[in-house]
């Protein structure tokens, strides 16, 4: 029987305790991402944005849940800006244009379920 590696967690060993904010580091002038889980049903990715860094407007075919770990950002959905900050969650709806701008150094978990 062949192993299906696509259904196994990536980026974090199973049954391991980790401090989520230490799994990804800021880099000056950059957006850093680290895939933690990628499975057929969805994925979980960590992001670290330096202040002023952004993701340009795009759409996704799936809802995506943002969990803010550190800092603050403005997330724009269909032209409406929403400030998110440490300790908050925000649901980005599928099929709606969205963008993100880090108003200060910013870390988040992005969970997308297909």
PDB file of N, CA and C in Angstrom:
ATOM      1  N   UNK A   1       0.841  -1.188   0.000  1.00  0.00           N
ATOM      2  CA  UNK A   1       0.000   0.000   0.000  1.00  0.00           C
ATOM      3  C   UNK A   1       0.877   1.239   0.000  1.00  0.00           C
ATOM      4  N   UNK A   2       0.554   2.190  -0.831  1.00  0.00           N
ATOM      5  CA  UNK A   2       1.339   3.414  -0.951  1.00  0.00           C
ATOM      6  C   UNK A   2       0.893   4.430   0.101  1.00  0.00           C
ATOM      7  N   UNK A   3       1.873   5.106   0.724  1.00  0.00           N
ATOM      8  CA  UNK A   3       1.551   6.140   1.710  1.00  0.00           C
ATOM      9  C   UNK A   3       1.002   7.368   1.009  1.00  0.00           C
ATOM     10  N   UNK A   4      -0.024   7.983   1.605  1.00  0.00           N
ATOM     11  CA  UNK A   4      -0.588   9.212   1.085  1.00  0.00           C
ATOM     12  C   UNK A   4      -0.075  10.360   1.934  1.00  0.00           C
ATOM     13  N   UNK A   5       1.032  10.958   1.523  1.00  0.00           N
ATOM     14  CA  UNK A   5       1.650  12.030   2.298  1.00  0.00           C
ATOM     15  C   UNK A   5       0.825  13.312   2.277  1.00  0.00           C
ATOM     16  N   UNK A   6      -0.076  13.463   1.301  1.00  0.00           N
ATOM     17  CA  UNK A   6      -0.874  14.686   1.224  1.00  0.00           C
ATOM     18  C   UNK A   6      -1.881  14.795   2.358  1.00  0.00           C
ATOM     19  N   UNK A   7      -2.157  13.691   3.060  1.00  0.00           N
ATOM     20  CA  UNK A   7      -3.130  13.742   4.146  1.00  0.00           C
ATOM     21  C   UNK A   7      -2.457  13.817   5.512  1.00  0.00           C
ATOM     22  N   UNK A   8      -1.160  13.993   5.534  1.00  0.00           N
ATOM     23  CA  UNK A   8      -0.433  14.091   6.798  1.00  0.00           C
ATOM     24  C   UNK A   8      -0.122  15.544   7.114  1.00  0.00           C
ATOM     25  N   UNK A   9      -0.149  15.920   8.407  1.00  0.00           N
ATOM     26  CA  UNK A   9       0.236  17.283   8.767  1.00  0.00           C
ATOM     27  C   UNK A   9       1.644  17.609   8.283  1.00  0.00           C
ATOM     28  N   UNK A  10       1.855  18.870   7.919  1.00  0.00           N
ATOM     29  CA  UNK A  10       3.156  19.326   7.446  1.00  0.00           C
ATOM     30  C   UNK A  10       3.612  20.478   8.317  1.00  0.00           C
ATOM     31  N   UNK A  11       4.896  20.594   8.523  1.00  0.00           N
ATOM     32  CA  UNK A  11       5.428  21.760   9.203  1.00  0.00           C
ATOM     33  C   UNK A  11       5.400  21.706  10.711  1.00  0.00           C
ATOM     34  N   UNK A  12       4.763  20.716  11.279  1.00  0.00           N
ATOM     35  CA  UNK A  12       4.694  20.568  12.727  1.00  0.00           C
ATOM     36  C   UNK A  12       4.538  19.083  13.021  1.00  0.00           C
ATOM     37  N   UNK A  13       5.473  18.493  13.751  1.00  0.00           N
ATOM     38  CA  UNK A  13       5.346  17.071  14.065  1.00  0.00           C
ATOM     39  C   UNK A  13       4.085  16.796  14.880  1.00  0.00           C
ATOM     40  N   UNK A  14       3.439  15.674  14.602  1.00  0.00           N
ATOM     41  CA  UNK A  14       2.237  15.284  15.339  1.00  0.00           C
ATOM     42  C   UNK A  14       2.546  15.093  16.817  1.00  0.00           C
ATOM     43  N   UNK A  15       1.550  15.303  17.638  1.00  0.00           N
ATOM     44  CA  UNK A  15       1.629  15.113  19.091  1.00  0.00           C
ATOM     45  C   UNK A  15       2.774  15.912  19.709  1.00  0.00           C
ATOM     46  N   UNK A  16       2.966  17.139  19.214  1.00  0.00           N
ATOM     47  CA  UNK A  16       4.013  18.025  19.701  1.00  0.00           C
ATOM     48  C   UNK A  16       3.388  19.326  20.191  1.00  0.00           C
ATOM     49  N   UNK A  17       3.772  19.755  21.377  1.00  0.00           N
ATOM     50  CA  UNK A  17       3.320  21.042  21.897  1.00  0.00           C
ATOM     51  C   UNK A  17       4.267  22.114  21.378  1.00  0.00           C
ATOM     52  N   UNK A  18       3.702  23.180  20.874  1.00  0.00           N
ATOM     53  CA  UNK A  18       4.528  24.272  20.351  1.00  0.00           C
ATOM     54  C   UNK A  18       3.875  25.603  20.698  1.00  0.00           C
ATOM     55  N   UNK A  19       4.682  26.609  20.914  1.00  0.00           N
ATOM     56  CA  UNK A  19       4.173  27.969  21.120  1.00  0.00           C
ATOM     57  C   UNK A  19       4.009  28.598  19.739  1.00  0.00           C
ATOM     58  N   UNK A  20       2.764  28.843  19.355  1.00  0.00           N
ATOM     59  CA  UNK A  20       2.461  29.221  17.986  1.00  0.00           C
ATOM     60  C   UNK A  20       3.197  30.483  17.536  1.00  0.00           C
ATOM     61  N   UNK A  21       3.337  31.463  18.388  1.00  0.00           N
ATOM     62  CA  UNK A  21       4.016  32.703  17.970  1.00  0.00           C
ATOM     63  C   UNK A  21       5.502  32.502  17.721  1.00  0.00           C
ATOM     64  N   UNK A  22       6.069  31.399  18.208  1.00  0.00           N
ATOM     65  CA  UNK A  22       7.487  31.116  17.984  1.00  0.00           C
ATOM     66  C   UNK A  22       7.726  30.218  16.766  1.00  0.00           C
ATOM     67  N   UNK A  23       6.644  29.778  16.110  1.00  0.00           N
ATOM     68  CA  UNK A  23       6.784  28.917  14.935  1.00  0.00           C
ATOM     69  C   UNK A  23       7.117  29.701  13.666  1.00  0.00           C
ATOM     70  N   UNK A  24       6.984  31.023  13.740  1.00  0.00           N
ATOM     71  CA  UNK A  24       7.288  31.859  12.590  1.00  0.00           C
ATOM     72  C   UNK A  24       7.873  33.172  13.096  1.00  0.00           C
ATOM     73  N   UNK A  25       8.865  33.690  12.382  1.00  0.00           N
ATOM     74  CA  UNK A  25       9.540  34.922  12.795  1.00  0.00           C
ATOM     75  C   UNK A  25       9.312  36.039  11.792  1.00  0.00           C
ATOM     76  N   UNK A  26       9.346  37.254  12.290  1.00  0.00           N
ATOM     77  CA  UNK A  26       9.281  38.424  11.419  1.00  0.00           C
ATOM     78  C   UNK A  26      10.582  38.554  10.636  1.00  0.00           C
ATOM     79  N   UNK A  27      10.470  39.090   9.428  1.00  0.00           N
ATOM     80  CA  UNK A  27      11.636  39.480   8.644  1.00  0.00           C
ATOM     81  C   UNK A  27      11.396  40.901   8.152  1.00  0.00           C
ATOM     82  N   UNK A  28      12.408  41.740   8.273  1.00  0.00           N
ATOM     83  CA  UNK A  28      12.275  43.134   7.846  1.00  0.00           C
ATOM     84  C   UNK A  28      11.852  43.221   6.385  1.00  0.00           C
ATOM     85  N   UNK A  29      10.813  44.018   6.127  1.00  0.00           N
ATOM     86  CA  UNK A  29      10.373  44.271   4.761  1.00  0.00           C
ATOM     87  C   UNK A  29       9.777  43.084   4.044  1.00  0.00           C
ATOM     88  N   UNK A  30       9.232  42.114   4.792  1.00  0.00           N
ATOM     89  CA  UNK A  30       8.769  40.888   4.142  1.00  0.00           C
ATOM     90  C   UNK A  30       7.497  40.331   4.775  1.00  0.00           C
ATOM     91  N   UNK A  31       6.852  39.472   4.005  1.00  0.00           N
ATOM     92  CA  UNK A  31       5.774  38.619   4.489  1.00  0.00           C
ATOM     93  C   UNK A  31       6.330  37.206   4.494  1.00  0.00           C
ATOM     94  N   UNK A  32       6.245  36.549   5.643  1.00  0.00           N
ATOM     95  CA  UNK A  32       6.752  35.189   5.795  1.00  0.00           C
ATOM     96  C   UNK A  32       5.558  34.270   6.034  1.00  0.00           C
ATOM     97  N   UNK A  33       5.549  33.100   5.403  1.00  0.00           N
ATOM     98  CA  UNK A  33       4.478  32.139   5.651  1.00  0.00           C
ATOM     99  C   UNK A  33       5.076  30.771   5.955  1.00  0.00           C
ATOM    100  N   UNK A  34       4.322  29.994   6.729  1.00  0.00           N
ATOM    101  CA  UNK A  34       4.734  28.633   7.080  1.00  0.00           C
ATOM    102  C   UNK A  34       3.493  27.753   7.107  1.00  0.00           C
ATOM    103  N   UNK A  35       3.458  26.802   6.215  1.00  0.00           N
ATOM    104  CA  UNK A  35       2.354  25.864   6.156  1.00  0.00           C
ATOM    105  C   UNK A  35       2.482  24.868   7.307  1.00  0.00           C
ATOM    106  N   UNK A  36       1.425  24.756   8.102  1.00  0.00           N
ATOM    107  CA  UNK A  36       1.428  23.835   9.237  1.00  0.00           C
ATOM    108  C   UNK A  36       0.707  22.538   8.880  1.00  0.00           C
ATOM    109  N   UNK A  37      -0.445  22.665   8.233  1.00  0.00           N
ATOM    110  CA  UNK A  37      -1.223  21.496   7.808  1.00  0.00           C
ATOM    111  C   UNK A  37      -1.727  21.747   6.396  1.00  0.00           C
ATOM    112  N   UNK A  38      -1.581  20.744   5.541  1.00  0.00           N
ATOM    113  CA  UNK A  38      -2.187  20.789   4.207  1.00  0.00           C
ATOM    114  C   UNK A  38      -2.799  19.426   3.960  1.00  0.00           C
ATOM    115  N   UNK A  39      -4.121  19.419   3.873  1.00  0.00           N
ATOM    116  CA  UNK A  39      -4.863  18.185   3.656  1.00  0.00           C
ATOM    117  C   UNK A  39      -5.893  18.417   2.557  1.00  0.00           C
ATOM    118  N   UNK A  40      -6.451  17.373   2.000  1.00  0.00           N
ATOM    119  CA  UNK A  40      -7.457  17.556   0.952  1.00  0.00           C
ATOM    120  C   UNK A  40      -8.641  18.426   1.398  1.00  0.00           C
ATOM    121  N   UNK A  41      -8.970  18.425   2.679  1.00  0.00           N
ATOM    122  CA  UNK A  41     -10.106  19.184   3.176  1.00  0.00           C
ATOM    123  C   UNK A  41      -9.797  20.613   3.571  1.00  0.00           C
ATOM    124  N   UNK A  42      -8.533  21.016   3.514  1.00  0.00           N
ATOM    125  CA  UNK A  42      -8.189  22.380   3.877  1.00  0.00           C
ATOM    126  C   UNK A  42      -6.755  22.510   4.340  1.00  0.00           C
ATOM    127  N   UNK A  43      -6.387  23.710   4.785  1.00  0.00           N
ATOM    128  CA  UNK A  43      -5.020  23.920   5.250  1.00  0.00           C
ATOM    129  C   UNK A  43      -4.972  24.980   6.336  1.00  0.00           C
ATOM    130  N   UNK A  44      -3.863  24.970   7.067  1.00  0.00           N
ATOM    131  CA  UNK A  44      -3.587  25.943   8.116  1.00  0.00           C
ATOM    132  C   UNK A  44      -2.198  26.508   7.839  1.00  0.00           C
ATOM    133  N   UNK A  45      -2.121  27.841   7.744  1.00  0.00           N
ATOM    134  CA  UNK A  45      -0.859  28.497   7.426  1.00  0.00           C
ATOM    135  C   UNK A  45      -0.624  29.643   8.406  1.00  0.00           C
ATOM    136  N   UNK A  46       0.600  29.760   8.889  1.00  0.00           N
ATOM    137  CA  UNK A  46       1.001  30.889   9.722  1.00  0.00           C
ATOM    138  C   UNK A  46       1.589  31.969   8.831  1.00  0.00           C
ATOM    139  N   UNK A  47       1.332  33.221   9.179  1.00  0.00           N
ATOM    140  CA  UNK A  47       1.903  34.352   8.456  1.00  0.00           C
ATOM    141  C   UNK A  47       2.505  35.334   9.451  1.00  0.00           C
ATOM    142  N   UNK A  48       3.609  35.966   9.054  1.00  0.00           N
ATOM    143  CA  UNK A  48       4.212  37.068   9.805  1.00  0.00           C
ATOM    144  C   UNK A  48       4.486  38.187   8.805  1.00  0.00           C
ATOM    145  N   UNK A  49       3.892  39.362   9.058  1.00  0.00           N
ATOM    146  CA  UNK A  49       4.018  40.525   8.184  1.00  0.00           C
ATOM    147  C   UNK A  49       4.823  41.598   8.899  1.00  0.00           C
ATOM    148  N   UNK A  50       5.809  42.156   8.245  1.00  0.00           N
ATOM    149  CA  UNK A  50       6.460  43.342   8.782  1.00  0.00           C
ATOM    150  C   UNK A  50       5.499  44.513   8.616  1.00  0.00           C
ATOM    151  N   UNK A  51       5.654  45.532   9.431  1.00  0.00           N
ATOM    152  CA  UNK A  51       4.793  46.717   9.343  1.00  0.00           C
ATOM    153  C   UNK A  51       4.815  47.275   7.926  1.00  0.00           C
ATOM    154  N   UNK A  52       3.615  47.554   7.388  1.00  0.00           N
ATOM    155  CA  UNK A  52       3.497  48.117   6.046  1.00  0.00           C
ATOM    156  C   UNK A  52       3.433  47.096   4.929  1.00  0.00           C
ATOM    157  N   UNK A  53       3.691  45.839   5.240  1.00  0.00           N
ATOM    158  CA  UNK A  53       3.611  44.796   4.209  1.00  0.00           C
ATOM    159  C   UNK A  53       2.153  44.411   3.980  1.00  0.00           C
ATOM    160  N   UNK A  54       1.858  43.857   2.804  1.00  0.00           N
ATOM    161  CA  UNK A  54       0.463  43.589   2.471  1.00  0.00           C
ATOM    162  C   UNK A  54       0.312  42.372   1.574  1.00  0.00           C
ATOM    163  N   UNK A  55      -0.933  41.950   1.444  1.00  0.00           N
ATOM    164  CA  UNK A  55      -1.342  41.004   0.414  1.00  0.00           C
ATOM    165  C   UNK A  55      -2.294  41.779  -0.485  1.00  0.00           C
ATOM    166  N   UNK A  56      -2.034  41.777  -1.770  1.00  0.00           N
ATOM    167  CA  UNK A  56      -2.870  42.527  -2.700  1.00  0.00           C
ATOM    168  C   UNK A  56      -4.237  41.855  -2.835  1.00  0.00           C
ATOM    169  N   UNK A  57      -5.169  42.620  -3.349  1.00  0.00           N
ATOM    170  CA  UNK A  57      -6.542  42.138  -3.471  1.00  0.00           C
ATOM    171  C   UNK A  57      -6.611  40.872  -4.323  1.00  0.00           C
ATOM    172  N   UNK A  58      -7.344  39.889  -3.819  1.00  0.00           N
ATOM    173  CA  UNK A  58      -7.547  38.620  -4.503  1.00  0.00           C
ATOM    174  C   UNK A  58      -8.833  37.987  -3.978  1.00  0.00           C
ATOM    175  N   UNK A  59      -9.233  36.864  -4.567  1.00  0.00           N
ATOM    176  CA  UNK A  59     -10.398  36.124  -4.089  1.00  0.00           C
ATOM    177  C   UNK A  59     -10.002  34.692  -3.821  1.00  0.00           C
ATOM    178  N   UNK A  60     -10.853  34.008  -3.071  1.00  0.00           N
ATOM    179  CA  UNK A  60     -10.644  32.597  -2.759  1.00  0.00           C
ATOM    180  C   UNK A  60     -11.979  31.876  -2.915  1.00  0.00           C
ATOM    181  N   UNK A  61     -11.953  30.632  -3.382  1.00  0.00           N
ATOM    182  CA  UNK A  61     -13.208  29.898  -3.528  1.00  0.00           C
ATOM    183  C   UNK A  61     -13.750  29.354  -2.199  1.00  0.00           C
ATOM    184  N   UNK A  62     -13.013  29.585  -1.103  1.00  0.00           N
ATOM    185  CA  UNK A  62     -13.410  29.038   0.198  1.00  0.00           C
ATOM    186  C   UNK A  62     -13.376  30.125   1.269  1.00  0.00           C
ATOM    187  N   UNK A  63     -14.220  29.973   2.300  1.00  0.00           N
ATOM    188  CA  UNK A  63     -14.127  30.836   3.469  1.00  0.00           C
ATOM    189  C   UNK A  63     -12.766  30.624   4.121  1.00  0.00           C
ATOM    190  N   UNK A  64     -12.246  31.665   4.755  1.00  0.00           N
ATOM    191  CA  UNK A  64     -10.962  31.566   5.452  1.00  0.00           C
ATOM    192  C   UNK A  64     -11.078  32.274   6.799  1.00  0.00           C
ATOM    193  N   UNK A  65     -10.663  31.596   7.854  1.00  0.00           N
ATOM    194  CA  UNK A  65     -10.705  32.157   9.198  1.00  0.00           C
ATOM    195  C   UNK A  65      -9.327  32.684   9.563  1.00  0.00           C
ATOM    196  N   UNK A  66      -9.273  33.962   9.948  1.00  0.00           N
ATOM    197  CA  UNK A  66      -8.040  34.601  10.408  1.00  0.00           C
ATOM    198  C   UNK A  66      -8.071  34.647  11.930  1.00  0.00           C
ATOM    199  N   UNK A  67      -7.007  34.163  12.568  1.00  0.00           N
ATOM    200  CA  UNK A  67      -6.829  34.270  14.015  1.00  0.00           C
ATOM    201  C   UNK A  67      -5.601  35.138  14.231  1.00  0.00           C
ATOM    202  N   UNK A  68      -5.794  36.295  14.851  1.00  0.00           N
ATOM    203  CA  UNK A  68      -4.704  37.244  15.024  1.00  0.00           C
ATOM    204  C   UNK A  68      -3.900  36.877  16.272  1.00  0.00           C
ATOM    205  N   UNK A  69      -2.601  36.643  16.078  1.00  0.00           N
ATOM    206  CA  UNK A  69      -1.704  36.237  17.167  1.00  0.00           C
ATOM    207  C   UNK A  69      -0.959  37.411  17.774  1.00  0.00           C
ATOM    208  N   UNK A  70      -0.646  38.404  16.933  1.00  0.00           N
ATOM    209  CA  UNK A  70       0.195  39.519  17.376  1.00  0.00           C
ATOM    210  C   UNK A  70      -0.041  40.693  16.438  1.00  0.00           C
ATOM    211  N   UNK A  71      -0.010  41.900  16.969  1.00  0.00           N
ATOM    212  CA  UNK A  71      -0.076  43.092  16.142  1.00  0.00           C
ATOM    213  C   UNK A  71      -1.463  43.427  15.650  1.00  0.00           C
ATOM    214  N   UNK A  72      -1.508  44.167  14.537  1.00  0.00           N
ATOM    215  CA  UNK A  72      -2.776  44.621  13.966  1.00  0.00           C
ATOM    216  C   UNK A  72      -2.635  44.769  12.460  1.00  0.00           C
ATOM    217  N   UNK A  73      -3.787  44.642  11.782  1.00  0.00           N
ATOM    218  CA  UNK A  73      -3.826  44.795  10.329  1.00  0.00           C
ATOM    219  C   UNK A  73      -5.197  45.310   9.925  1.00  0.00           C
ATOM    220  N   UNK A  74      -5.247  45.860   8.729  1.00  0.00           N
ATOM    221  CA  UNK A  74      -6.515  46.218   8.110  1.00  0.00           C
ATOM    222  C   UNK A  74      -6.800  45.187   7.031  1.00  0.00           C
ATOM    223  N   UNK A  75      -7.957  44.531   7.145  1.00  0.00           N
ATOM    224  CA  UNK A  75      -8.402  43.584   6.131  1.00  0.00           C
ATOM    225  C   UNK A  75      -9.573  44.229   5.402  1.00  0.00           C
ATOM    226  N   UNK A  76      -9.452  44.325   4.095  1.00  0.00           N
ATOM    227  CA  UNK A  76     -10.502  44.925   3.281  1.00  0.00           C
ATOM    228  C   UNK A  76     -11.261  43.820   2.568  1.00  0.00           C
ATOM    229  N   UNK A  77     -12.574  43.814   2.761  1.00  0.00           N
ATOM    230  CA  UNK A  77     -13.464  42.847   2.113  1.00  0.00           C
ATOM    231  C   UNK A  77     -14.444  43.641   1.257  1.00  0.00           C
ATOM    232  N   UNK A  78     -14.439  43.379  -0.038  1.00  0.00           N
ATOM    233  CA  UNK A  78     -15.364  44.044  -0.963  1.00  0.00           C
ATOM    234  C   UNK A  78     -15.385  45.559  -0.741  1.00  0.00           C
ATOM    235  N   UNK A  79     -14.197  46.147  -0.539  1.00  0.00           N
ATOM    236  CA  UNK A  79     -14.067  47.586  -0.403  1.00  0.00           C
ATOM    237  C   UNK A  79     -14.287  48.147   0.993  1.00  0.00           C
ATOM    238  N   UNK A  80     -14.637  47.315   1.962  1.00  0.00           N
ATOM    239  CA  UNK A  80     -14.869  47.764   3.332  1.00  0.00           C
ATOM    240  C   UNK A  80     -13.705  47.313   4.215  1.00  0.00           C
ATOM    241  N   UNK A  81     -13.063  48.276   4.908  1.00  0.00           N
ATOM    242  CA  UNK A  81     -11.896  47.981   5.741  1.00  0.00           C
ATOM    243  C   UNK A  81     -12.319  47.593   7.157  1.00  0.00           C
ATOM    244  N   UNK A  82     -11.635  46.572   7.691  1.00  0.00           N
ATOM    245  CA  UNK A  82     -11.878  46.078   9.048  1.00  0.00           C
ATOM    246  C   UNK A  82     -10.542  46.002   9.772  1.00  0.00           C
ATOM    247  N   UNK A  83     -10.415  46.628  10.931  1.00  0.00           N
ATOM    248  CA  UNK A  83      -9.194  46.542  11.741  1.00  0.00           C
ATOM    249  C   UNK A  83      -9.280  45.273  12.580  1.00  0.00           C
ATOM    250  N   UNK A  84      -8.234  44.445  12.526  1.00  0.00           N
ATOM    251  CA  UNK A  84      -8.144  43.250  13.368  1.00  0.00           C
ATOM    252  C   UNK A  84      -6.879  43.358  14.195  1.00  0.00           C
ATOM    253  N   UNK A  85      -6.946  42.847  15.429  1.00  0.00           N
ATOM    254  CA  UNK A  85      -5.773  42.920  16.299  1.00  0.00           C
ATOM    255  C   UNK A  85      -5.680  41.692  17.186  1.00  0.00           C
ATOM    256  N   UNK A  86      -4.560  41.612  17.892  1.00  0.00           N
ATOM    257  CA  UNK A  86      -4.230  40.462  18.732  1.00  0.00           C
ATOM    258  C   UNK A  86      -5.438  39.975  19.523  1.00  0.00           C
ATOM    259  N   UNK A  87      -5.648  38.648  19.467  1.00  0.00           N
ATOM    260  CA  UNK A  87      -6.721  38.013  20.217  1.00  0.00           C
ATOM    261  C   UNK A  87      -8.050  37.955  19.488  1.00  0.00           C
ATOM    262  N   UNK A  88      -8.140  38.543  18.288  1.00  0.00           N
ATOM    263  CA  UNK A  88      -9.401  38.553  17.552  1.00  0.00           C
ATOM    264  C   UNK A  88      -9.389  37.539  16.414  1.00  0.00           C
ATOM    265  N   UNK A  89     -10.596  37.168  15.977  1.00  0.00           N
ATOM    266  CA  UNK A  89     -10.754  36.318  14.799  1.00  0.00           C
ATOM    267  C   UNK A  89     -11.609  37.064  13.790  1.00  0.00           C
ATOM    268  N   UNK A  90     -11.487  36.671  12.529  1.00  0.00           N
ATOM    269  CA  UNK A  90     -12.209  37.346  11.454  1.00  0.00           C
ATOM    270  C   UNK A  90     -12.441  36.337  10.339  1.00  0.00           C
ATOM    271  N   UNK A  91     -13.676  36.230   9.874  1.00  0.00           N
ATOM    272  CA  UNK A  91     -14.006  35.310   8.796  1.00  0.00           C
ATOM    273  C   UNK A  91     -14.030  36.061   7.468  1.00  0.00           C
ATOM    274  N   UNK A  92     -13.180  35.623   6.550  1.00  0.00           N
ATOM    275  CA  UNK A  92     -13.162  36.204   5.209  1.00  0.00           C
ATOM    276  C   UNK A  92     -14.027  35.316   4.312  1.00  0.00           C
ATOM    277  N   UNK A  93     -15.109  35.862   3.772  1.00  0.00           N
ATOM    278  CA  UNK A  93     -16.033  35.039   2.987  1.00  0.00           C
ATOM    279  C   UNK A  93     -15.481  34.662   1.617  1.00  0.00           C
ATOM    280  N   UNK A  94     -15.870  33.484   1.165  1.00  0.00           N
ATOM    281  CA  UNK A  94     -15.477  32.999  -0.158  1.00  0.00           C
ATOM    282  C   UNK A  94     -16.016  33.918  -1.244  1.00  0.00           C
ATOM    283  N   UNK A  95     -15.302  33.977  -2.345  1.00  0.00           N
ATOM    284  CA  UNK A  95     -15.728  34.662  -3.569  1.00  0.00           C
ATOM    285  C   UNK A  95     -15.868  36.177  -3.425  1.00  0.00           C
ATOM    286  N   UNK A  96     -15.314  36.762  -2.364  1.00  0.00           N
ATOM    287  CA  UNK A  96     -15.333  38.217  -2.224  1.00  0.00           C
ATOM    288  C   UNK A  96     -13.895  38.723  -2.219  1.00  0.00           C
ATOM    289  N   UNK A  97     -13.650  39.750  -2.990  1.00  0.00           N
ATOM    290  CA  UNK A  97     -12.296  40.311  -3.072  1.00  0.00           C
ATOM    291  C   UNK A  97     -11.857  40.785  -1.695  1.00  0.00           C
ATOM    292  N   UNK A  98     -10.612  40.437  -1.334  1.00  0.00           N
ATOM    293  CA  UNK A  98     -10.073  40.859  -0.047  1.00  0.00           C
ATOM    294  C   UNK A  98      -8.579  41.149  -0.177  1.00  0.00           C
ATOM    295  N   UNK A  99      -8.107  42.009   0.735  1.00  0.00           N
ATOM    296  CA  UNK A  99      -6.698  42.398   0.781  1.00  0.00           C
ATOM    297  C   UNK A  99      -6.337  42.629   2.245  1.00  0.00           C
ATOM    298  N   UNK A 100      -5.041  42.672   2.540  1.00  0.00           N
ATOM    299  CA  UNK A 100      -4.582  42.853   3.913  1.00  0.00           C
ATOM    300  C   UNK A 100      -3.389  43.794   3.934  1.00  0.00           C
ATOM    301  N   UNK A 101      -3.374  44.709   4.912  1.00  0.00           N
ATOM    302  CA  UNK A 101      -2.248  45.624   5.124  1.00  0.00           C
ATOM    303  C   UNK A 101      -1.888  45.599   6.606  1.00  0.00           C
ATOM    304  N   UNK A 102      -0.642  45.252   6.911  1.00  0.00           N
ATOM    305  CA  UNK A 102      -0.174  45.236   8.303  1.00  0.00           C
ATOM    306  C   UNK A 102       0.072  46.670   8.766  1.00  0.00           C
ATOM    307  N   UNK A 103      -0.705  47.136   9.735  1.00  0.00           N
ATOM    308  CA  UNK A 103      -0.532  48.489  10.260  1.00  0.00           C
ATOM    309  C   UNK A 103       0.576  48.537  11.307  1.00  0.00           C
ATOM    310  N   UNK A 104       0.997  47.368  11.767  1.00  0.00           N
ATOM    311  CA  UNK A 104       2.167  47.170  12.620  1.00  0.00           C
ATOM    312  C   UNK A 104       2.607  45.733  12.379  1.00  0.00           C
ATOM    313  N   UNK A 105       3.701  45.316  12.952  1.00  0.00           N
ATOM    314  CA  UNK A 105       4.099  43.916  12.774  1.00  0.00           C
ATOM    315  C   UNK A 105       2.927  43.037  13.192  1.00  0.00           C
ATOM    316  N   UNK A 106       2.673  41.981  12.406  1.00  0.00           N
ATOM    317  CA  UNK A 106       1.408  41.256  12.511  1.00  0.00           C
ATOM    318  C   UNK A 106       1.628  39.773  12.237  1.00  0.00           C
ATOM    319  N   UNK A 107       1.110  38.926  13.123  1.00  0.00           N
ATOM    320  CA  UNK A 107       1.142  37.476  12.914  1.00  0.00           C
ATOM    321  C   UNK A 107      -0.280  36.940  12.957  1.00  0.00           C
ATOM    322  N   UNK A 108      -0.559  35.976  12.063  1.00  0.00           N
ATOM    323  CA  UNK A 108      -1.887  35.373  12.047  1.00  0.00           C
ATOM    324  C   UNK A 108      -1.810  33.909  11.656  1.00  0.00           C
ATOM    325  N   UNK A 109      -2.861  33.193  12.053  1.00  0.00           N
ATOM    326  CA  UNK A 109      -3.112  31.832  11.561  1.00  0.00           C
ATOM    327  C   UNK A 109      -4.245  31.956  10.557  1.00  0.00           C
ATOM    328  N   UNK A 110      -4.062  31.410   9.367  1.00  0.00           N
ATOM    329  CA  UNK A 110      -5.108  31.392   8.353  1.00  0.00           C
ATOM    330  C   UNK A 110      -5.564  29.951   8.194  1.00  0.00           C
ATOM    331  N   UNK A 111      -6.847  29.690   8.454  1.00  0.00           N
ATOM    332  CA  UNK A 111      -7.416  28.355   8.318  1.00  0.00           C
ATOM    333  C   UNK A 111      -8.431  28.377   7.197  1.00  0.00           C
ATOM    334  N   UNK A 112      -8.180  27.560   6.184  1.00  0.00           N
ATOM    335  CA  UNK A 112      -9.098  27.472   5.046  1.00  0.00           C
ATOM    336  C   UNK A 112      -9.654  26.053   4.976  1.00  0.00           C
ATOM    337  N   UNK A 113     -10.967  25.951   5.040  1.00  0.00           N
ATOM    338  CA  UNK A 113     -11.647  24.655   4.954  1.00  0.00           C
ATOM    339  C   UNK A 113     -12.359  24.600   3.615  1.00  0.00           C
ATOM    340  N   UNK A 114     -12.088  23.545   2.885  1.00  0.00           N
ATOM    341  CA  UNK A 114     -12.703  23.399   1.542  1.00  0.00           C
ATOM    342  C   UNK A 114     -14.074  22.780   1.650  1.00  0.00           C
TER     343      UNK A 114
END
